[in-house]
Amino acid sequence: MSLENPQPFKPDSQIKKEISESAPKPESDFDLNYTPEQAPNSQTESPIDQKTFKNADFNAENKNFFSRMTEGAKNIASRAYEGVYKTPGISRIVAKIEIAHNRNWADSHEKKAGELADSILLKNKAIEHLAASANALKSQVESLKKQGLPTSQLEIQIKKIDYERGKMLNKRDKLQTRFEERENKVKIYTNERDRVADKLINRYEAVLGPMEEKIEAAKTARDEMNLKSAVMEARHKQEKEKISEEKSNLEELKDVLRMAGLSDRKINKSEAVRTMRDRIDTANAILEKEREDLEQDLRDNERYIADLDKHANPFRDKRDEFARIKQERPIEFSVAERKKEWKPEGKEESSFHTRTETTEPPIRETSSNVESKIESSQEDKERPKVGVYLVAWHAFLAEKLGGEEKISPQERSQTPEDFIKATGLDKDFRLDRNGFKKILLQYYKYKKLPTESLVRYLDEFLKQEEIKLPEKQA
């Protein structure tokens, strides 16, 4: 009827000894017997280099001294520096100093960043106001143009507003550059603060690891004992039923003996009664002992867990203290990302302001006037319009090359509108054939198009009796 013994009870002295042994001992990382020969062979294995102390507040003299140290001396200094973090009490003080230093700088830059973010917001409001004013004026200009009214003064005002807006954008960009610099510094100091906090958190986690394992093991043992207690309760219930039945048998035996004329004294001294009574008492004693032992084990287990928890809580508090430091995150200021400004391509070209001839009063036609008109008509026939030249030339070239697709993509991209824009000629401007040839070849050279293969076709085109639009476009 005995149960398997759970985790044995451990006295306070043994618990304290185990906890003391599980906690990491302060190891001295500064070995006075350390020699340069013990330094790692590879520079990458060296626990210290220039990068280790790049953020340290060394003055120029100290930095120069450090750079002249031997590799062995650097290793000794590194071991002493890292050993500070492994010394109880001192590590926490040093870490708090480093965290306070980085937090102060992060807060300082964050305050400046906030002021700059407010200034940027005000600049953006001013820029939006200028843009709205310019848009309103542009609407007025469009309306006045439709009515045929002058708009030059409004357009000049719009240009002035755009100029002021550009100046405001330049100031805003300078503010945002300063803001982004401050914001990055906040993140740098925050990351450095978190690095120091992580170092202490990891150390406390290492201390708590064995304790937490023991607490979990004790909780598992407690759960197992609670299970055994439930099983024991059910089993004891059956055993007590048997004991009750045994008691009933005992009373029946006593009644039989009384009926036989035996006194109570003789009945109690009879072997059968004494045997049955001993058997009942033994069964009750066993059940009571099992119950008390299991309850004692549960009490011991709870005390063991409480003692472990008591020793672990100070380390948890310290770990959580540095974890809360990491929870302080930088403020996300609502400053929009900048976009790259577009830049206009090309350059402004001077326009050719050709003037149309004024209409002269009608002249009485004489024979000389008629002859003059005939000559003018013949001259116009020999001098087609620029637009006619271009369309006819394009159709002629397509026919000679065997189709539109045979013309090079560069040549196809040169439309009459491109030619007119590049030359400044009006499409109704008349040219003789030599003048058109000279201008067209110069245009192709300007557009970086091959001219050698086109000269033969151009000469053939210009030798035609009459240059006119194709029938489908005539």
Protein backbone atom coordinates (compact mmCIF):
# COMPACT_ATOMS: atom_id res chain seq x y z
CA MET A 1 0.00 0.00 0.00
CA SER A 2 3.03 2.29 0.02
CA LEU A 3 3.52 4.87 -2.73
CA GLU A 4 6.64 5.68 -4.66
CA ASN A 5 8.56 8.38 -2.77
CA PRO A 6 8.47 11.82 -4.51
CA GLN A 7 11.36 14.30 -4.64
CA PRO A 8 13.03 14.07 -1.18
CA PHE A 9 12.80 16.96 1.22
CA LYS A 10 15.76 19.34 1.21
CA PRO A 11 16.59 21.39 4.30
CA ASP A 12 17.19 25.15 4.06
CA SER A 13 20.95 24.79 4.30
CA GLN A 14 21.03 22.43 1.32
CA ILE A 15 18.71 24.69 -0.73
CA LYS A 16 20.92 27.72 -0.07
CA LYS A 17 24.01 25.72 -0.97
CA GLU A 18 22.50 24.58 -4.27
CA ILE A 19 21.40 28.10 -5.16
CA SER A 20 24.81 29.47 -4.30
CA GLU A 21 26.48 26.83 -6.47
CA SER A 22 24.10 27.46 -9.40
CA ALA A 23 24.78 31.21 -9.41
CA PRO A 24 27.81 32.14 -11.54
CA LYS A 25 30.88 32.95 -9.54
CA PRO A 26 32.55 36.29 -10.20
CA GLU A 27 35.44 35.28 -12.37
CA SER A 28 38.46 37.51 -12.48
CA ASP A 29 39.09 38.31 -16.13
CA PHE A 30 42.22 40.22 -15.20
CA ASP A 31 44.95 37.65 -14.75
CA LEU A 32 48.04 39.17 -13.17
CA ASN A 33 50.10 36.23 -14.46
CA TYR A 34 48.93 36.81 -18.03
CA THR A 35 51.79 37.05 -20.52
CA PRO A 36 51.87 38.28 -24.14
CA GLU A 37 52.77 34.72 -25.24
CA GLN A 38 49.25 33.70 -24.21
CA ALA A 39 47.69 36.18 -26.64
CA PRO A 40 45.71 34.68 -29.56
CA ASN A 41 47.69 34.20 -32.75
CA SER A 42 45.01 35.61 -35.05
CA GLN A 43 44.08 39.24 -34.87
CA THR A 44 40.43 38.28 -35.33
CA GLU A 45 40.65 36.19 -32.15
CA SER A 46 41.92 39.13 -30.16
CA PRO A 47 39.30 40.29 -27.67
CA ILE A 48 40.19 43.93 -28.29
CA ASP A 49 40.89 46.17 -31.23
CA GLN A 50 40.45 49.82 -32.17
CA LYS A 51 36.73 49.24 -32.76
CA THR A 52 36.21 48.11 -29.16
CA PHE A 53 37.03 51.56 -27.85
CA LYS A 54 35.84 53.69 -30.78
CA ASN A 55 32.96 55.07 -28.69
CA ALA A 56 35.03 55.56 -25.53
CA ASP A 57 35.75 59.09 -24.39
CA PHE A 58 39.49 58.92 -25.06
CA ASN A 59 41.36 62.12 -25.60
CA ALA A 60 44.01 62.41 -28.30
CA GLU A 61 46.82 61.49 -25.92
CA ASN A 62 45.06 58.34 -24.69
CA LYS A 63 44.16 57.27 -28.23
CA ASN A 64 47.77 57.69 -29.28
CA PHE A 65 48.90 55.69 -26.26
CA PHE A 66 46.41 52.91 -27.03
CA SER A 67 47.55 52.70 -30.67
CA ARG A 68 51.15 52.15 -29.48
CA MET A 69 50.20 49.28 -27.11
CA THR A 70 51.41 45.78 -27.93
CA GLU A 71 48.90 43.07 -28.79
CA GLY A 72 49.43 41.43 -25.41
CA ALA A 73 48.83 44.69 -23.56
CA LYS A 74 45.66 45.24 -25.58
CA ASN A 75 44.43 41.78 -24.58
CA ILE A 76 45.11 42.52 -20.90
CA ALA A 77 43.22 45.82 -21.15
CA SER A 78 40.35 44.12 -22.91
CA ARG A 79 40.09 41.38 -20.31
CA ALA A 80 40.07 44.02 -17.55
CA TYR A 81 37.41 46.05 -19.39
CA GLU A 82 35.15 43.05 -19.99
CA GLY A 83 35.80 41.77 -16.47
CA VAL A 84 34.11 44.85 -15.08
CA TYR A 85 30.81 43.56 -16.49
CA LYS A 86 31.29 40.22 -14.75
CA THR A 87 31.95 41.70 -11.32
CA PRO A 88 28.82 41.67 -9.15
CA GLY A 89 27.61 45.15 -8.26
CA ILE A 90 30.21 46.97 -10.34
CA SER A 91 28.79 45.68 -13.64
CA ARG A 92 25.37 47.11 -12.84
CA ILE A 93 26.81 50.48 -11.85
CA VAL A 94 28.97 50.73 -14.98
CA ALA A 95 26.03 49.66 -17.17
CA LYS A 96 23.75 52.26 -15.59
CA ILE A 97 26.35 54.95 -16.22
CA GLU A 98 26.67 53.93 -19.88
CA ILE A 99 22.89 53.71 -20.29
CA ALA A 100 22.40 57.13 -18.68
CA HIS A 101 25.06 58.61 -20.97
CA ASN A 102 23.45 57.22 -24.14
CA ARG A 103 19.93 57.98 -22.95
CA ASN A 104 20.84 61.63 -22.25
CA TRP A 105 22.31 62.06 -25.72
CA ALA A 106 19.34 60.30 -27.34
CA ASP A 107 16.91 62.54 -25.42
CA SER A 108 18.86 65.65 -26.35
CA HIS A 109 18.86 64.82 -30.06
CA GLU A 110 15.20 63.77 -29.86
CA LYS A 111 14.28 67.15 -28.36
CA LYS A 112 16.08 68.96 -31.18
CA ALA A 113 14.47 66.63 -33.73
CA GLY A 114 11.04 67.47 -32.30
CA GLU A 115 11.69 71.20 -32.62
CA LEU A 116 12.83 70.73 -36.21
CA ALA A 117 9.78 68.56 -36.98
CA ASP A 118 7.52 71.40 -35.76
CA SER A 119 9.39 73.91 -37.93
CA ILE A 120 9.07 71.60 -40.95
CA LEU A 121 5.33 71.32 -40.34
CA LEU A 122 4.98 75.12 -40.31
CA LYS A 123 7.05 75.40 -43.50
CA ASN A 124 4.87 72.79 -45.20
CA LYS A 125 1.75 74.76 -44.24
CA ALA A 126 3.26 77.92 -45.76
CA ILE A 127 4.26 76.01 -48.91
CA GLU A 128 0.73 74.61 -49.26
CA HIS A 129 -0.69 78.12 -48.88
CA LEU A 130 1.56 79.45 -51.65
CA ALA A 131 0.67 76.51 -53.90
CA ALA A 132 -3.06 77.16 -53.33
CA SER A 133 -2.60 80.86 -54.18
CA ALA A 134 -0.73 79.99 -57.39
CA ASN A 135 -3.43 77.51 -58.41
CA ALA A 136 -6.15 80.09 -57.80
CA LEU A 137 -4.32 82.62 -59.98
CA LYS A 138 -3.81 80.02 -62.71
CA SER A 139 -7.55 79.42 -62.79
CA GLN A 140 -8.09 83.17 -63.18
CA VAL A 141 -5.57 83.29 -66.02
CA GLU A 142 -7.36 80.49 -67.87
CA SER A 143 -10.69 82.25 -67.43
CA LEU A 144 -9.32 85.60 -68.67
CA LYS A 145 -7.64 83.97 -71.67
CA LYS A 146 -10.97 82.50 -72.74
CA GLN A 147 -12.45 86.02 -72.61
CA GLY A 148 -9.55 87.44 -74.61
CA LEU A 149 -8.40 89.68 -71.73
CA PRO A 150 -4.76 90.44 -70.79
CA THR A 151 -3.14 88.05 -68.29
CA SER A 152 0.55 88.98 -68.31
CA GLN A 153 0.52 90.65 -64.87
CA LEU A 154 -1.17 87.64 -63.29
CA GLU A 155 1.31 85.26 -64.93
CA ILE A 156 4.19 87.35 -63.58
CA GLN A 157 2.60 87.19 -60.13
CA ILE A 158 2.29 83.40 -60.44
CA LYS A 159 5.98 83.22 -61.31
CA LYS A 160 6.84 85.32 -58.24
CA ILE A 161 4.75 83.00 -56.05
CA ASP A 162 6.50 79.96 -57.52
CA TYR A 163 9.84 81.63 -56.82
CA GLU A 164 8.87 82.26 -53.19
CA ARG A 165 7.61 78.70 -52.93
CA GLY A 166 10.95 77.43 -54.23
CA LYS A 167 12.80 79.48 -51.61
CA MET A 168 10.50 78.06 -48.94
CA LEU A 169 11.14 74.52 -50.20
CA ASN A 170 14.89 75.11 -50.02
CA LYS A 171 14.58 76.23 -46.39
CA ARG A 172 12.33 73.27 -45.63
CA ASP A 173 14.87 70.86 -47.15
CA LYS A 174 17.66 72.30 -45.03
CA LEU A 175 15.52 71.86 -41.92
CA GLN A 176 14.65 68.31 -42.91
CA THR A 177 18.30 67.47 -43.51
CA ARG A 178 19.07 68.62 -39.97
CA PHE A 179 16.03 66.71 -38.69
CA GLU A 180 17.10 63.47 -40.38
CA GLU A 181 20.60 63.86 -38.97
CA ARG A 182 19.19 64.26 -35.45
CA GLU A 183 16.79 61.36 -35.97
CA ASN A 184 19.63 59.06 -37.00
CA LYS A 185 21.66 60.12 -33.96
CA VAL A 186 18.69 59.28 -31.72
CA LYS A 187 18.62 55.80 -33.23
CA ILE A 188 22.39 55.37 -32.86
CA TYR A 189 22.37 56.29 -29.16
CA THR A 190 19.23 54.21 -28.57
CA ASN A 191 20.91 51.17 -30.14
CA GLU A 192 24.01 51.74 -28.01
CA ARG A 193 21.83 51.99 -24.89
CA ASP A 194 20.03 48.76 -25.86
CA ARG A 195 23.37 47.03 -26.45
CA VAL A 196 24.47 47.75 -22.87
CA ALA A 197 21.05 46.74 -21.51
CA ASP A 198 21.17 43.48 -23.50
CA LYS A 199 24.56 42.69 -21.99
CA LEU A 200 23.13 42.89 -18.46
CA ILE A 201 19.87 41.16 -19.41
CA ASN A 202 21.83 38.24 -20.87
CA ARG A 203 23.94 38.04 -17.72
CA TYR A 204 20.87 37.92 -15.46
CA GLU A 205 19.27 35.37 -17.78
CA ALA A 206 22.37 33.20 -17.37
CA VAL A 207 22.05 33.45 -13.58
CA LEU A 208 18.32 32.76 -13.64
CA GLY A 209 18.60 29.83 -16.06
CA PRO A 210 19.58 27.13 -13.52
CA MET A 211 17.17 28.53 -10.93
CA GLU A 212 14.26 28.52 -13.37
CA GLU A 213 15.10 24.95 -14.34
CA LYS A 214 15.03 23.87 -10.72
CA ILE A 215 11.75 25.70 -10.13
CA GLU A 216 10.22 24.01 -13.16
CA ALA A 217 11.48 20.62 -11.96
CA ALA A 218 10.00 21.27 -8.50
CA LYS A 219 6.67 22.30 -10.07
CA THR A 220 6.67 19.13 -12.13
CA ALA A 221 7.32 17.09 -8.96
CA ARG A 222 4.48 18.94 -7.22
CA ASP A 223 2.10 18.14 -10.04
CA GLU A 224 3.17 14.49 -9.85
CA MET A 225 2.54 14.42 -6.10
CA ASN A 226 -0.88 16.01 -6.56
CA LEU A 227 -1.68 13.26 -9.03
CA LYS A 228 -0.53 10.62 -6.56
CA SER A 229 -2.62 12.29 -3.88
CA ALA A 230 -5.73 11.95 -6.00
CA VAL A 231 -4.92 8.29 -6.72
CA MET A 232 -4.20 7.67 -3.06
CA GLU A 233 -7.50 9.25 -2.04
CA ALA A 234 -9.44 6.89 -4.30
CA ARG A 235 -7.45 3.86 -3.14
CA HIS A 236 -7.83 4.83 0.54
CA LYS A 237 -11.56 5.08 0.05
CA GLN A 238 -11.66 1.42 -1.02
CA GLU A 239 -9.33 0.42 1.81
CA LYS A 240 -11.54 2.18 4.37
CA GLU A 241 -14.55 0.30 3.04
CA LYS A 242 -12.67 -2.93 3.67
CA ILE A 243 -11.73 -1.75 7.15
CA SER A 244 -15.39 -0.88 7.85
CA GLU A 245 -16.37 -4.38 6.76
CA GLU A 246 -13.68 -5.81 9.03
CA LYS A 247 -15.06 -3.77 11.93
CA SER A 248 -18.54 -5.14 11.25
CA ASN A 249 -17.14 -8.67 11.33
CA LEU A 250 -15.43 -7.90 14.62
CA GLU A 251 -18.66 -6.66 16.20
CA GLU A 252 -20.52 -9.73 14.96
CA LEU A 253 -17.84 -11.96 16.52
CA LYS A 254 -18.18 -10.13 19.83
CA ASP A 255 -21.97 -10.56 19.77
CA VAL A 256 -21.58 -14.31 19.19
CA LEU A 257 -19.13 -14.59 22.06
CA ARG A 258 -21.48 -12.66 24.37
CA MET A 259 -24.31 -14.99 23.43
CA ALA A 260 -21.97 -17.87 24.38
CA GLY A 261 -21.81 -16.40 27.91
CA LEU A 262 -18.34 -14.80 27.77
CA SER A 263 -17.78 -11.53 29.56
CA ASP A 264 -16.48 -8.47 27.72
CA ARG A 265 -13.13 -8.87 29.44
CA LYS A 266 -12.71 -12.42 28.15
CA ILE A 267 -13.99 -11.41 24.74
CA ASN A 268 -11.40 -8.61 24.44
CA LYS A 269 -8.65 -11.02 25.50
CA SER A 270 -9.69 -13.69 23.03
CA GLU A 271 -7.16 -14.43 20.28
CA ALA A 272 -9.63 -13.96 17.42
CA VAL A 273 -10.82 -10.55 18.61
CA ARG A 274 -7.28 -9.34 19.29
CA THR A 275 -6.11 -10.49 15.85
CA MET A 276 -8.96 -8.78 14.06
CA ARG A 277 -8.49 -5.56 16.07
CA ASP A 278 -4.73 -5.49 15.33
CA ARG A 279 -5.43 -6.01 11.65
CA ILE A 280 -7.86 -3.03 11.60
CA ASP A 281 -5.49 -0.78 13.58
CA THR A 282 -2.55 -1.69 11.29
CA ALA A 283 -4.55 -0.88 8.14
CA ASN A 284 -5.65 2.50 9.54
CA ALA A 285 -2.09 3.31 10.59
CA ILE A 286 -0.73 2.51 7.11
CA LEU A 287 -3.33 4.74 5.41
CA GLU A 288 -2.65 7.57 7.84
CA LYS A 289 1.12 7.25 7.36
CA GLU A 290 0.80 7.36 3.57
CA ARG A 291 -1.41 10.44 3.77
CA GLU A 292 0.89 12.27 6.17
CA ASP A 293 4.03 11.41 4.18
CA LEU A 294 2.53 12.71 0.94
CA GLU A 295 1.26 15.87 2.60
CA GLN A 296 4.69 16.45 4.14
CA ASP A 297 6.35 15.99 0.76
CA LEU A 298 3.95 18.53 -0.77
CA ARG A 299 4.72 21.04 1.99
CA ASP A 300 8.45 20.51 1.55
CA ASN A 301 8.10 20.93 -2.20
CA GLU A 302 6.15 24.19 -1.83
CA ARG A 303 8.78 25.52 0.56
CA TYR A 304 11.55 24.49 -1.85
CA ILE A 305 9.81 26.35 -4.70
CA ALA A 306 9.24 29.39 -2.48
CA ASP A 307 12.93 29.48 -1.47
CA LEU A 308 14.08 29.18 -5.08
CA ASP A 309 11.61 31.86 -6.13
CA LYS A 310 12.80 34.13 -3.32
CA HIS A 311 16.41 33.87 -4.50
CA ALA A 312 15.44 34.27 -8.18
CA ASN A 313 13.23 37.34 -7.73
CA PRO A 314 16.07 39.88 -7.17
CA PHE A 315 17.68 38.75 -10.45
CA ARG A 316 14.31 38.93 -12.18
CA ASP A 317 13.84 42.46 -10.88
CA LYS A 318 17.24 43.50 -12.21
CA ARG A 319 16.61 41.81 -15.55
CA ASP A 320 13.20 43.47 -15.89
CA GLU A 321 14.70 46.81 -14.93
CA PHE A 322 16.97 46.73 -17.98
CA ALA A 323 14.21 45.24 -20.13
CA ARG A 324 12.03 48.26 -19.31
CA ILE A 325 14.87 50.51 -20.40
CA LYS A 326 14.71 48.89 -23.84
CA GLN A 327 10.96 49.51 -23.95
CA GLU A 328 11.64 53.26 -24.21
CA ARG A 329 11.50 53.63 -27.99
CA PRO A 330 12.21 56.81 -30.01
CA ILE A 331 9.27 59.01 -30.97
CA GLU A 332 8.07 58.59 -34.56
CA PHE A 333 7.69 62.18 -35.77
CA SER A 334 5.15 62.72 -38.55
CA VAL A 335 7.56 64.13 -41.11
CA ALA A 336 6.88 63.03 -44.67
CA GLU A 337 9.66 61.51 -46.77
CA ARG A 338 11.07 63.83 -49.40
CA LYS A 339 10.80 63.08 -53.10
CA LYS A 340 13.40 63.82 -55.71
CA GLU A 341 12.51 66.93 -57.69
CA TRP A 342 12.13 66.62 -61.46
CA LYS A 343 14.41 68.66 -63.68
CA PRO A 344 13.39 69.98 -67.10
CA GLU A 345 15.27 68.47 -70.01
CA GLY A 346 16.56 70.39 -73.02
CA LYS A 347 16.77 74.14 -73.39
CA GLU A 348 14.62 77.00 -74.49
CA GLU A 349 15.05 77.88 -78.17
CA SER A 350 14.55 81.30 -79.66
CA SER A 351 11.48 81.49 -81.88
CA PHE A 352 11.50 82.81 -85.44
CA HIS A 353 8.84 85.49 -85.54
CA THR A 354 8.16 85.65 -89.28
CA ARG A 355 5.78 88.37 -90.38
CA THR A 356 3.04 87.87 -92.96
CA GLU A 357 2.84 90.31 -95.84
CA THR A 358 0.22 93.03 -95.59
CA THR A 359 -2.52 93.09 -98.24
CA GLU A 360 -1.97 95.92 -100.71
CA PRO A 361 -4.88 97.79 -102.30
CA PRO A 362 -6.20 96.14 -105.46
CA ILE A 363 -4.25 97.22 -108.56
CA ARG A 364 -5.83 97.63 -111.93
CA GLU A 365 -4.74 94.75 -114.03
CA THR A 366 -2.63 95.69 -116.99
CA SER A 367 -0.78 93.53 -119.37
CA SER A 368 2.35 93.93 -117.26
CA ASN A 369 0.49 92.88 -114.10
CA VAL A 370 -0.83 89.79 -115.84
CA GLU A 371 2.65 88.84 -116.94
CA SER A 372 3.88 89.40 -113.36
CA LYS A 373 1.18 87.04 -112.01
CA ILE A 374 2.10 84.36 -114.51
CA GLU A 375 5.77 84.63 -113.46
CA SER A 376 4.78 84.50 -109.77
CA SER A 377 2.63 81.44 -110.36
CA GLN A 378 5.47 79.74 -112.18
CA GLU A 379 7.83 80.69 -109.36
CA ASP A 380 5.45 79.24 -106.70
CA LYS A 381 5.29 76.05 -108.73
CA GLU A 382 9.08 75.82 -108.57
CA ARG A 383 9.09 76.65 -104.84
CA PRO A 384 6.75 74.23 -102.97
CA LYS A 385 5.80 74.74 -99.34
CA VAL A 386 7.94 73.20 -96.63
CA GLY A 387 5.05 70.98 -95.48
CA VAL A 388 4.59 69.61 -99.01
CA TYR A 389 8.31 68.91 -99.31
CA LEU A 390 8.39 66.92 -96.10
CA VAL A 391 5.31 64.76 -96.70
CA ALA A 392 6.29 64.07 -100.32
CA TRP A 393 9.88 63.22 -99.33
CA HIS A 394 8.75 60.78 -96.65
CA ALA A 395 6.38 59.01 -99.08
CA PHE A 396 9.08 58.91 -101.79
CA LEU A 397 11.61 57.39 -99.40
CA ALA A 398 9.14 54.71 -98.24
CA GLU A 399 8.42 53.77 -101.87
CA LYS A 400 12.10 53.51 -102.78
CA LEU A 401 13.02 51.46 -99.70
CA GLY A 402 10.14 49.05 -100.20
CA GLY A 403 7.75 50.05 -97.45
CA GLU A 404 7.36 52.16 -94.35
CA GLU A 405 8.98 49.50 -92.13
CA LYS A 406 12.20 49.70 -94.16
CA ILE A 407 12.80 53.26 -93.01
CA SER A 408 15.02 53.42 -89.93
CA PRO A 409 13.28 54.08 -86.60
CA GLN A 410 15.28 57.29 -86.24
CA GLU A 411 14.10 58.54 -89.62
CA ARG A 412 10.49 57.57 -88.92
CA SER A 413 10.59 59.46 -85.62
CA GLN A 414 11.44 62.73 -87.40
CA THR A 415 7.98 64.14 -88.14
CA PRO A 416 7.27 67.36 -90.09
CA GLU A 417 6.45 68.99 -86.75
CA ASP A 418 9.96 68.12 -85.46
CA PHE A 419 11.53 69.59 -88.60
CA ILE A 420 9.48 72.78 -88.34
CA LYS A 421 10.29 73.16 -84.63
CA ALA A 422 13.99 72.58 -85.19
CA THR A 423 14.26 74.94 -88.16
CA GLY A 424 11.76 77.57 -87.08
CA LEU A 425 10.24 77.61 -90.55
CA ASP A 426 6.52 77.84 -91.05
CA LYS A 427 4.95 74.86 -92.84
CA ASP A 428 3.67 77.25 -95.53
CA PHE A 429 7.11 78.76 -96.10
CA ARG A 430 8.26 78.20 -99.68
CA LEU A 431 11.72 76.90 -100.58
CA ASP A 432 13.49 76.14 -103.81
CA ARG A 433 14.89 72.67 -104.22
CA ASN A 434 18.49 73.51 -103.45
CA GLY A 435 17.44 75.38 -100.32
CA PHE A 436 15.33 72.40 -99.12
CA LYS A 437 18.20 69.98 -99.77
CA LYS A 438 20.69 72.11 -97.87
CA ILE A 439 18.36 72.58 -94.88
CA LEU A 440 17.27 68.92 -94.78
CA LEU A 441 20.85 67.58 -94.80
CA GLN A 442 21.80 70.03 -92.06
CA TYR A 443 18.71 68.91 -90.06
CA TYR A 444 19.74 65.25 -90.38
CA LYS A 445 23.24 66.12 -89.22
CA TYR A 446 21.77 68.00 -86.25
CA LYS A 447 19.62 64.99 -85.35
CA LYS A 448 22.60 62.62 -85.69
CA LEU A 449 21.00 60.74 -88.61
CA PRO A 450 23.03 59.06 -91.39
CA THR A 451 23.08 61.23 -94.52
CA GLU A 452 25.37 59.25 -96.85
CA SER A 453 22.73 56.63 -97.75
CA LEU A 454 20.00 59.24 -98.21
CA VAL A 455 21.77 61.71 -100.51
CA ARG A 456 21.22 59.53 -103.61
CA TYR A 457 17.51 59.22 -102.94
CA LEU A 458 17.24 62.93 -102.09
CA ASP A 459 18.83 63.94 -105.41
CA GLU A 460 16.44 61.65 -107.29
CA PHE A 461 13.50 63.11 -105.34
CA LEU A 462 14.46 66.67 -106.15
CA LYS A 463 14.87 65.90 -109.88
CA GLN A 464 11.15 65.13 -110.19
CA GLU A 465 9.26 67.40 -112.55
CA GLU A 466 6.74 68.29 -109.88
CA ILE A 467 6.86 67.83 -106.14
CA LYS A 468 3.38 67.38 -104.72
CA LEU A 469 1.49 65.61 -101.97
CA PRO A 470 0.73 61.89 -102.42
CA GLU A 471 -2.71 61.25 -103.88
CA LYS A 472 -4.09 59.84 -100.60
CA GLN A 473 -3.08 63.05 -98.77
CA ALA A 474 -3.71 65.56 -101.57
